[in-house]
Amino acid sequence: MTNMLERAVPRYTSYPTAPNFSAAVDANVYRSWLAGLPGEATLSLYLHVPFCRELCHYCGCHTKAMLRDEPIAAYAQRLVEEIALVASHAGRRKVTHIHWGGGTPSILDADLLKFVTDELAHRFDLSAIREHAIELDPRYVTRSLLQALRDIGVNRASLGVQDFSAHVQQAAGRIQPFDTVKAAADMLNEFGIDRINIDLMYGLPKQTVADVRRTAALAHTLKPQRVAVFGYAHVPWFRPQQRLIDQSDLPSSQERLAQAQAAHETLVQFGYQPIGLDHYARPDDQLAPAASSGRLQRNFQGYTDDDADALVGLGASAISRLPQGFAQNAPAVGNYSRAIAEGKLATVKGIVLSDDDRLRGNIIERLMCDMAVDLDAIAGEFNFDVANDFSDEMESLQPFQENGSVLIDDHRIRITEQGRPYMRLVASVFDTYLARAKSRHSVAV
């Protein structure tokens, strides 16, 4: 089991995963995809703001430290121009979800948040918005910010916590006492933004099982609707600031597993329902019925009940998911901004989905969301024959069946509770890109 824990596999927020995107999907291809959306297709919008006031050592996001306000205002102008450009190709479509991510998207001040949102309202139909969410750094939550968020219609906020232990925060480069987070949560409730998510992490430097249990218990006292528990991905070759973390301070694979299980046990004890790999929801949160009814989905923001026909990413590095495939904007802010300023879409890579991609993506998503999949039912939609086309995959599942992580009944696969931590590994069996990929991923648990 130990060698399984140390295997590196994707997080499967998409399939194929981003390292498999290529320049074959460019701005012209993406433009045609937008124009070709069906007449009644709905959209979910993701806005990426790649700036923070300071970088945390553990951060794996597309972001950079920014102390000056002028580049932030210039970036907001590019976002507005991109919104207009996308709408000129896609049309004035109905939007059901908006999500601001980063970085720290609230680094946009009240005027800039309104500026961008006003353009969204001008170019799209926002009358059917079900969720308008933003990721927040609790250290920078103020009443004036929350007034601005309420004014633009935000109704869900995710607070980045990671761990409440002072020694872990020091090692991870993010000093954030519990009282700071509590003050932010209290203010969110005061302003009526009461759909609160809290993001935690395990596998951080100097972190112990006791730290994880204590942090999960403290998070519960803030009464969030959802808690996400992510495993720290140590990828210093990809995120240079992670070199500030002493690798000898990182927990072993067995310690990481124990930490993940400690968080799981603590949150379940407090009444949270496990959702997929790493999310937990109160029974009154919409993720809970979505999970129990098979409507749960997984995208670049994690687990969601978002059923929009297309996800449109706006901003540097943002990824869009359309019926035809995936398209990603230029990751570098300079390259993204130059393209938009010239009146061009900033798409630099992506992938066109084949029938095999769609089939395998569906299988992987059901395993990641439902912990179960009926291969015959899914393969039949694509005219694949499981016995012939998935014989290697079924054989690769045998070790998981032998250790109790997976139950197989004919071609029906179910991941057991014991196997929940190995969900990414089980899903990776159906990933045909993984064996030949040159990209490096984080460890599975």
Protein backbone atom coordinates (compact mmCIF):
# COMPACT_ATOMS: atom_id res chain seq x y z
CA MET A 1 0.00 0.00 0.00
CA THR A 2 2.86 2.40 0.78
CA ASN A 3 4.16 2.42 -2.79
CA MET A 4 0.63 3.27 -3.98
CA LEU A 5 0.58 6.30 -1.68
CA GLU A 6 3.77 7.61 -3.26
CA ARG A 7 2.55 7.33 -6.86
CA ALA A 8 2.01 10.67 -8.59
CA VAL A 9 -1.29 11.09 -10.44
CA PRO A 10 -3.48 14.04 -11.53
CA ARG A 11 -6.26 15.52 -9.40
CA TYR A 12 -8.71 14.92 -12.28
CA THR A 13 -10.49 18.26 -12.24
CA SER A 14 -10.64 17.62 -16.00
CA TYR A 15 -9.95 14.81 -18.42
CA PRO A 16 -7.75 14.99 -20.37
CA THR A 17 -5.77 16.97 -17.81
CA ALA A 18 -4.12 20.32 -18.55
CA PRO A 19 -0.58 18.96 -19.12
CA ASN A 20 -1.98 17.19 -22.19
CA PHE A 21 -3.25 20.38 -23.81
CA SER A 22 -1.48 21.52 -26.99
CA ALA A 23 -1.22 24.54 -29.27
CA ALA A 24 -3.53 22.79 -31.74
CA VAL A 25 -6.37 24.59 -29.96
CA ASP A 26 -5.74 28.30 -30.51
CA ALA A 27 -7.78 31.49 -30.51
CA ASN A 28 -9.37 30.66 -33.87
CA VAL A 29 -10.52 27.24 -32.68
CA TYR A 30 -11.88 28.66 -29.42
CA ARG A 31 -13.70 31.42 -31.30
CA SER A 32 -15.45 28.82 -33.45
CA TRP A 33 -16.41 26.84 -30.35
CA LEU A 34 -17.99 29.89 -28.74
CA ALA A 35 -19.89 30.76 -31.90
CA GLY A 36 -21.07 27.16 -32.24
CA LEU A 37 -22.71 26.87 -28.82
CA PRO A 38 -26.35 25.71 -29.09
CA GLY A 39 -28.95 28.44 -28.90
CA GLU A 40 -30.16 27.69 -25.37
CA ALA A 41 -26.75 26.79 -23.92
CA THR A 42 -26.13 28.21 -20.45
CA LEU A 43 -22.77 29.38 -19.14
CA SER A 44 -20.81 29.21 -15.93
CA LEU A 45 -18.15 31.93 -15.67
CA TYR A 46 -14.79 31.68 -13.90
CA LEU A 47 -12.74 34.87 -13.45
CA HIS A 48 -9.09 34.40 -12.54
CA VAL A 49 -7.23 37.19 -10.73
CA PRO A 50 -3.55 36.17 -10.57
CA PHE A 51 -2.35 38.53 -7.82
CA CYS A 52 -1.76 38.35 -4.07
CA ARG A 53 -0.28 40.92 -1.71
CA GLU A 54 2.22 38.23 -0.66
CA LEU A 55 2.93 34.65 -1.70
CA CYS A 56 2.48 31.76 0.72
CA HIS A 57 5.26 29.18 0.56
CA TYR A 58 2.87 26.29 -0.20
CA CYS A 59 0.89 28.01 -2.96
CA GLY A 60 0.45 26.09 -6.22
CA CYS A 61 -1.79 28.63 -7.96
CA HIS A 62 -1.13 30.78 -11.02
CA THR A 63 -0.46 33.99 -9.08
CA LYS A 64 2.26 36.45 -8.16
CA ALA A 65 2.86 39.03 -5.45
CA MET A 66 1.68 42.52 -6.36
CA LEU A 67 2.11 45.53 -4.08
CA ARG A 68 1.25 48.25 -6.60
CA ASP A 69 -2.35 49.01 -7.56
CA GLU A 70 -1.77 50.20 -11.14
CA PRO A 71 -1.17 46.72 -12.65
CA ILE A 72 -4.27 45.44 -10.85
CA ALA A 73 -6.43 48.19 -12.37
CA ALA A 74 -4.91 47.50 -15.80
CA TYR A 75 -5.72 43.81 -15.42
CA ALA A 76 -9.34 44.60 -14.53
CA GLN A 77 -9.55 46.60 -17.76
CA ARG A 78 -8.30 43.57 -19.71
CA LEU A 79 -10.93 41.39 -18.00
CA VAL A 80 -13.66 43.78 -19.09
CA GLU A 81 -12.33 43.74 -22.65
CA GLU A 82 -12.17 39.95 -22.66
CA ILE A 83 -15.76 39.71 -21.41
CA ALA A 84 -16.91 41.89 -24.31
CA LEU A 85 -14.82 39.86 -26.76
CA VAL A 86 -16.14 36.50 -25.58
CA ALA A 87 -19.73 37.78 -25.64
CA SER A 88 -19.27 39.06 -29.19
CA HIS A 89 -18.65 35.45 -30.28
CA ALA A 90 -20.89 33.54 -27.85
CA GLY A 91 -23.81 35.94 -27.71
CA ARG A 92 -25.78 37.23 -24.72
CA ARG A 93 -26.22 33.93 -22.93
CA LYS A 94 -27.82 33.01 -19.63
CA VAL A 95 -25.30 32.57 -16.81
CA THR A 96 -26.03 30.29 -13.85
CA HIS A 97 -22.75 30.43 -11.88
CA ILE A 98 -19.97 32.98 -11.36
CA HIS A 99 -16.77 32.10 -9.52
CA TRP A 100 -13.88 34.48 -8.75
CA GLY A 101 -10.59 32.68 -8.11
CA GLY A 102 -6.92 33.43 -7.85
CA GLY A 103 -4.63 34.46 -6.39
CA THR A 104 -6.67 36.73 -4.20
CA PRO A 105 -9.54 38.03 -6.36
CA SER A 106 -10.59 40.51 -3.67
CA ILE A 107 -7.35 42.36 -4.42
CA LEU A 108 -9.63 44.16 -6.86
CA ASP A 109 -11.09 47.02 -4.83
CA ALA A 110 -14.80 47.80 -4.59
CA ASP A 111 -14.80 49.99 -7.70
CA LEU A 112 -12.96 47.40 -9.82
CA LEU A 113 -15.20 44.55 -8.65
CA LYS A 114 -18.23 46.61 -9.65
CA PHE A 115 -16.56 47.63 -12.92
CA VAL A 116 -16.03 44.00 -13.96
CA THR A 117 -19.42 42.78 -12.71
CA ASP A 118 -21.25 45.61 -14.50
CA GLU A 119 -19.65 44.44 -17.75
CA LEU A 120 -20.79 40.87 -17.06
CA ALA A 121 -24.33 42.14 -16.53
CA HIS A 122 -24.14 44.19 -19.72
CA ARG A 123 -22.88 41.34 -21.90
CA PHE A 124 -24.69 38.35 -20.37
CA ASP A 125 -28.05 37.50 -18.82
CA LEU A 126 -27.46 37.21 -15.07
CA SER A 127 -31.13 36.83 -14.13
CA ALA A 128 -30.77 33.10 -13.41
CA ILE A 129 -27.65 33.19 -11.23
CA ARG A 130 -27.75 30.34 -8.72
CA GLU A 131 -24.36 30.93 -7.17
CA HIS A 132 -21.92 33.84 -7.19
CA ALA A 133 -18.80 32.78 -5.30
CA ILE A 134 -15.42 34.27 -4.45
CA GLU A 135 -12.24 33.00 -2.81
CA LEU A 136 -11.07 35.19 0.09
CA ASP A 137 -7.93 35.57 2.17
CA PRO A 138 -9.30 36.08 5.73
CA ARG A 139 -6.44 38.45 6.53
CA TYR A 140 -7.80 40.98 4.03
CA VAL A 141 -11.54 40.76 4.73
CA THR A 142 -13.01 44.13 5.71
CA ARG A 143 -16.52 45.53 6.07
CA SER A 144 -16.02 47.77 3.04
CA LEU A 145 -15.01 44.74 0.94
CA LEU A 146 -18.02 42.75 2.10
CA GLN A 147 -20.35 45.64 1.33
CA ALA A 148 -18.95 45.64 -2.20
CA LEU A 149 -19.34 41.87 -2.51
CA ARG A 150 -22.93 42.03 -1.33
CA ASP A 151 -23.62 44.85 -3.78
CA ILE A 152 -22.43 42.77 -6.75
CA GLY A 153 -24.45 39.74 -5.66
CA VAL A 154 -21.86 37.42 -4.11
CA ASN A 155 -23.62 34.75 -2.04
CA ARG A 156 -20.80 32.26 -1.32
CA ALA A 157 -17.28 32.79 -0.03
CA SER A 158 -14.38 30.37 0.40
CA LEU A 159 -11.94 31.20 3.20
CA GLY A 160 -8.42 29.88 2.82
CA VAL A 161 -7.38 28.51 6.22
CA GLN A 162 -5.04 25.51 5.65
CA ASP A 163 -4.10 24.98 9.34
CA PHE A 164 -4.64 26.88 12.61
CA SER A 165 -1.41 25.76 14.34
CA ALA A 166 1.14 28.56 14.72
CA HIS A 167 4.18 26.35 14.02
CA VAL A 168 2.60 25.00 10.81
CA GLN A 169 1.66 28.50 9.68
CA GLN A 170 5.21 29.67 10.28
CA ALA A 171 6.68 26.78 8.25
CA ALA A 172 4.11 27.25 5.46
CA GLY A 173 4.61 31.01 5.21
CA ARG A 174 1.08 32.13 6.14
CA ILE A 175 0.53 33.62 9.59
CA GLN A 176 -3.20 33.68 10.22
CA PRO A 177 -4.53 33.21 13.77
CA PHE A 178 -7.91 31.62 14.42
CA ASP A 179 -9.33 34.94 15.64
CA THR A 180 -8.58 36.49 12.23
CA VAL A 181 -10.54 33.78 10.43
CA LYS A 182 -13.39 33.93 12.95
CA ALA A 183 -13.67 37.69 12.47
CA ALA A 184 -13.90 37.20 8.70
CA ALA A 185 -16.57 34.48 9.05
CA ASP A 186 -18.57 36.62 11.49
CA MET A 187 -18.48 39.57 9.10
CA LEU A 188 -19.58 37.41 6.18
CA ASN A 189 -22.62 36.28 8.16
CA GLU A 190 -23.29 39.86 9.23
CA PHE A 191 -23.45 40.93 5.57
CA GLY A 192 -25.68 38.01 4.60
CA ILE A 193 -22.99 36.10 2.67
CA ASP A 194 -23.71 33.02 4.73
CA ARG A 195 -22.76 30.25 2.31
CA ILE A 196 -19.27 29.80 3.67
CA ASN A 197 -16.63 27.29 2.56
CA ILE A 198 -13.42 26.66 4.47
CA ASP A 199 -10.34 25.22 2.77
CA LEU A 200 -7.96 23.11 4.86
CA MET A 201 -4.78 21.24 3.97
CA TYR A 202 -2.86 18.23 5.19
CA GLY A 203 0.72 17.28 4.35
CA LEU A 204 2.06 20.73 5.27
CA PRO A 205 5.55 21.20 6.78
CA LYS A 206 5.78 20.35 10.50
CA GLN A 207 2.09 19.35 10.49
CA THR A 208 0.95 16.45 12.68
CA VAL A 209 -2.23 14.39 12.99
CA ALA A 210 -3.04 16.36 16.17
CA ASP A 211 -2.71 19.63 14.23
CA VAL A 212 -5.12 18.38 11.58
CA ARG A 213 -7.70 17.20 14.14
CA ARG A 214 -7.54 20.47 16.06
CA THR A 215 -7.84 22.54 12.87
CA ALA A 216 -10.84 20.56 11.60
CA ALA A 217 -12.56 20.91 14.99
CA LEU A 218 -11.93 24.67 15.08
CA ALA A 219 -13.16 25.02 11.51
CA HIS A 220 -16.43 23.35 12.56
CA THR A 221 -17.00 26.04 15.21
CA LEU A 222 -17.22 28.61 12.39
CA LYS A 223 -20.27 26.72 11.05
CA PRO A 224 -19.24 26.53 7.37
CA GLN A 225 -21.58 24.85 4.91
CA ARG A 226 -18.64 23.12 3.24
CA VAL A 227 -15.12 22.15 4.17
CA ALA A 228 -12.51 21.08 1.62
CA VAL A 229 -9.43 19.15 2.79
CA PHE A 230 -6.68 19.21 0.17
CA GLY A 231 -3.39 17.39 0.25
CA TYR A 232 -0.44 19.77 -0.07
CA ALA A 233 1.22 19.22 -3.45
CA HIS A 234 4.96 19.78 -3.15
CA VAL A 235 5.95 20.73 -6.71
CA PRO A 236 8.96 23.08 -6.35
CA TRP A 237 9.92 22.44 -10.01
CA PHE A 238 6.59 24.06 -10.93
CA ARG A 239 6.18 26.65 -8.13
CA PRO A 240 9.61 28.06 -7.15
CA GLN A 241 8.42 29.63 -3.87
CA GLN A 242 7.87 26.11 -2.54
CA ARG A 243 11.65 25.81 -2.35
CA LEU A 244 11.31 27.90 0.82
CA ILE A 245 9.82 24.80 2.45
CA ASP A 246 12.36 22.39 3.92
CA GLN A 247 11.46 19.04 2.39
CA SER A 248 12.64 17.27 5.55
CA ASP A 249 9.78 19.00 7.40
CA LEU A 250 7.16 17.36 5.19
CA PRO A 251 5.24 14.35 6.54
CA SER A 252 5.82 10.92 5.02
CA SER A 253 3.25 9.23 2.80
CA GLN A 254 1.95 7.20 5.74
CA GLU A 255 1.72 10.34 7.88
CA ARG A 256 -0.15 12.13 5.08
CA LEU A 257 -2.65 9.26 4.94
CA ALA A 258 -3.11 9.39 8.71
CA GLN A 259 -3.69 13.15 8.52
CA ALA A 260 -6.27 12.79 5.76
CA GLN A 261 -8.07 10.14 7.78
CA ALA A 262 -7.96 12.31 10.91
CA ALA A 263 -9.61 15.21 9.07
CA HIS A 264 -12.21 12.83 7.64
CA GLU A 265 -13.07 11.30 11.00
CA THR A 266 -13.30 14.68 12.72
CA LEU A 267 -15.59 16.26 10.15
CA VAL A 268 -17.84 13.20 9.88
CA GLN A 269 -18.09 13.21 13.67
CA PHE A 270 -19.47 16.75 13.47
CA GLY A 271 -22.13 15.74 10.96
CA TYR A 272 -20.52 16.66 7.65
CA GLN A 273 -21.28 14.38 4.70
CA PRO A 274 -18.20 13.22 2.73
CA ILE A 275 -18.37 14.44 -0.87
CA GLY A 276 -16.07 12.66 -3.30
CA LEU A 277 -12.38 12.71 -2.53
CA ASP A 278 -11.85 15.75 -0.34
CA HIS A 279 -15.03 17.78 0.24
CA TYR A 280 -17.44 17.71 3.18
CA ALA A 281 -20.88 19.31 3.25
CA ARG A 282 -23.59 19.92 5.80
CA PRO A 283 -26.82 18.09 4.97
CA ASP A 284 -28.49 21.46 4.19
CA ASP A 285 -25.90 22.38 1.55
CA GLN A 286 -26.80 21.72 -2.09
CA LEU A 287 -23.77 19.46 -2.59
CA ALA A 288 -25.31 16.85 -0.29
CA PRO A 289 -28.43 16.11 -2.41
CA ALA A 290 -26.36 16.46 -5.59
CA ALA A 291 -24.03 13.73 -4.33
CA SER A 292 -26.81 11.40 -3.20
CA SER A 293 -28.73 11.77 -6.48
CA GLY A 294 -25.77 11.29 -8.85
CA ARG A 295 -25.78 14.95 -9.99
CA LEU A 296 -22.41 15.81 -8.49
CA GLN A 297 -19.82 17.09 -10.96
CA ARG A 298 -16.14 17.98 -10.81
CA ASN A 299 -14.46 20.93 -12.47
CA PHE A 300 -11.45 23.18 -11.97
CA GLN A 301 -12.99 24.65 -8.81
CA GLY A 302 -13.53 21.21 -7.26
CA TYR A 303 -16.87 19.51 -6.59
CA THR A 304 -19.99 21.31 -7.72
CA ASP A 305 -23.63 20.94 -8.69
CA ASP A 306 -22.99 23.32 -11.60
CA ASP A 307 -24.81 21.89 -14.62
CA ALA A 308 -24.21 24.74 -17.08
CA ASP A 309 -23.62 23.66 -20.67
CA ALA A 310 -20.23 25.38 -20.84
CA LEU A 311 -17.67 26.82 -18.45
CA VAL A 312 -16.00 29.98 -19.74
CA GLY A 313 -12.71 30.95 -18.12
CA LEU A 314 -11.72 34.61 -18.10
CA GLY A 315 -8.29 35.97 -17.21
CA ALA A 316 -4.70 34.77 -17.44
CA SER A 317 -4.33 30.95 -17.30
CA ALA A 318 -8.12 30.42 -17.08
CA ILE A 319 -9.44 27.22 -18.65
CA SER A 320 -12.74 26.92 -20.50
CA ARG A 321 -14.72 23.71 -20.96
CA LEU A 322 -17.02 23.64 -23.97
CA PRO A 323 -18.81 20.69 -25.60
CA GLN A 324 -15.99 20.43 -28.16
CA GLY A 325 -13.09 20.42 -25.69
CA PHE A 326 -10.91 22.49 -23.37
CA ALA A 327 -9.21 25.83 -24.11
CA GLN A 328 -6.73 27.66 -21.89
CA ASN A 329 -5.66 31.31 -21.87
CA ALA A 330 -2.01 32.36 -21.82
CA PRO A 331 -0.73 31.76 -18.26
CA ALA A 332 1.58 34.81 -18.22
CA VAL A 333 -0.25 38.04 -17.44
CA GLY A 334 1.80 39.98 -20.00
CA ASN A 335 0.99 37.61 -22.86
CA TYR A 336 -2.67 37.43 -21.87
CA SER A 337 -2.95 41.22 -21.61
CA ARG A 338 -1.28 41.88 -24.95
CA ALA A 339 -3.63 39.54 -26.79
CA ILE A 340 -6.75 41.05 -25.23
CA ALA A 341 -5.52 44.62 -25.78
CA GLU A 342 -5.14 43.78 -29.48
CA GLY A 343 -8.75 42.59 -29.59
CA LYS A 344 -7.80 38.89 -29.77
CA LEU A 345 -8.81 35.95 -27.63
CA ALA A 346 -5.90 34.90 -25.41
CA THR A 347 -6.24 31.14 -26.02
CA VAL A 348 -2.85 29.44 -26.40
CA LYS A 349 -3.60 25.74 -25.91
CA GLY A 350 -6.29 23.17 -25.32
CA ILE A 351 -7.55 19.84 -26.58
CA VAL A 352 -10.32 18.60 -28.85
CA LEU A 353 -12.26 15.79 -27.20
CA SER A 354 -12.39 12.45 -28.98
CA ASP A 355 -15.08 9.84 -28.25
CA ASP A 356 -12.48 7.94 -26.23
CA ASP A 357 -11.74 11.10 -24.19
CA ARG A 358 -15.44 11.65 -23.51
CA LEU A 359 -15.97 8.05 -22.46
CA ARG A 360 -12.95 7.93 -20.16
CA GLY A 361 -13.67 11.41 -18.81
CA ASN A 362 -17.17 10.27 -17.91
CA ILE A 363 -15.85 7.14 -16.18
CA ILE A 364 -13.24 9.13 -14.23
CA GLU A 365 -15.75 11.79 -13.19
CA ARG A 366 -18.24 9.21 -11.89
CA LEU A 367 -15.50 7.46 -9.90
CA MET A 368 -14.35 10.80 -8.46
CA CYS A 369 -17.92 11.94 -7.70
CA ASP A 370 -19.95 8.80 -6.94
CA MET A 371 -17.15 6.40 -5.98
CA ALA A 372 -18.85 4.02 -8.39
CA VAL A 373 -19.40 3.49 -12.10
CA ASP A 374 -21.24 1.04 -14.34
CA LEU A 375 -18.87 0.60 -17.26
CA ASP A 376 -21.44 -1.16 -19.44
CA ALA A 377 -23.95 1.68 -19.08
CA ILE A 378 -21.41 4.37 -20.00
CA ALA A 379 -19.58 2.42 -22.70
CA GLY A 380 -22.87 1.59 -24.40
CA GLU A 381 -23.47 5.28 -25.06
CA PHE A 382 -20.23 5.40 -27.08
CA ASN A 383 -20.43 1.96 -28.75
CA PHE A 384 -17.46 0.63 -26.79
CA ASP A 385 -17.28 -2.98 -25.63
CA VAL A 386 -16.02 -3.20 -22.07
CA ALA A 387 -14.81 -6.81 -22.28
CA ASN A 388 -12.56 -6.05 -25.26
CA ASP A 389 -11.75 -2.36 -24.87
CA PHE A 390 -11.12 -2.28 -21.11
CA SER A 391 -9.52 -5.64 -20.41
CA ASP A 392 -6.20 -4.04 -19.39
CA GLU A 393 -7.96 -1.57 -17.10
CA MET A 394 -9.94 -4.32 -15.37
CA GLU A 395 -6.71 -6.22 -14.80
CA SER A 396 -5.07 -3.07 -13.36
CA LEU A 397 -7.88 -2.82 -10.82
CA GLN A 398 -7.07 -6.21 -9.31
CA PRO A 399 -4.57 -4.91 -6.70
CA PHE A 400 -7.22 -2.45 -5.47
CA GLN A 401 -9.75 -5.26 -5.26
CA GLU A 402 -7.29 -7.42 -3.36
CA ASN A 403 -6.56 -4.76 -0.74
CA GLY A 404 -10.24 -3.93 -0.24
CA SER A 405 -10.20 -0.52 -1.90
CA VAL A 406 -12.48 -1.58 -4.74
CA LEU A 407 -15.39 -3.98 -5.20
CA ILE A 408 -16.05 -5.28 -8.72
CA ASP A 409 -19.32 -6.93 -9.74
CA ASP A 410 -19.07 -7.86 -13.40
CA HIS A 411 -18.31 -4.42 -14.92
CA ARG A 412 -19.68 -2.38 -12.02
CA ILE A 413 -16.91 -0.79 -9.95
CA ARG A 414 -17.37 0.62 -6.46
CA ILE A 415 -14.72 2.31 -4.34
CA THR A 416 -15.13 1.33 -0.68
CA GLU A 417 -14.83 3.71 2.27
CA GLN A 418 -11.45 2.12 2.93
CA GLY A 419 -10.51 2.99 -0.64
CA ARG A 420 -11.65 6.63 -0.55
CA PRO A 421 -8.08 7.98 -0.09
CA TYR A 422 -7.01 6.01 -3.20
CA MET A 423 -9.73 7.47 -5.42
CA ARG A 424 -7.30 9.30 -7.72
CA LEU A 425 -5.28 6.13 -8.16
CA VAL A 426 -8.36 4.10 -9.08
CA ALA A 427 -9.46 6.78 -11.56
CA SER A 428 -5.98 6.90 -13.09
CA VAL A 429 -6.40 3.31 -14.31
CA PHE A 430 -8.64 4.73 -17.07
CA ASP A 431 -6.25 7.58 -18.01
CA THR A 432 -4.59 6.65 -21.32
CA TYR A 433 -2.46 9.81 -21.32
CA LEU A 434 -0.78 9.16 -17.98
CA ALA A 435 1.69 6.46 -19.01
CA ARG A 436 3.08 8.45 -21.91
CA ALA A 437 2.94 11.88 -20.24
CA LYS A 438 6.16 13.69 -19.44
CA SER A 439 4.50 15.98 -16.87
CA ARG A 440 5.00 15.51 -13.14
CA HIS A 441 2.10 15.36 -10.70
CA SER A 442 1.62 15.45 -6.93
CA VAL A 443 1.44 12.26 -4.89
CA ALA A 444 -1.92 10.50 -4.79
CA VAL A 445 -2.62 10.92 -1.06
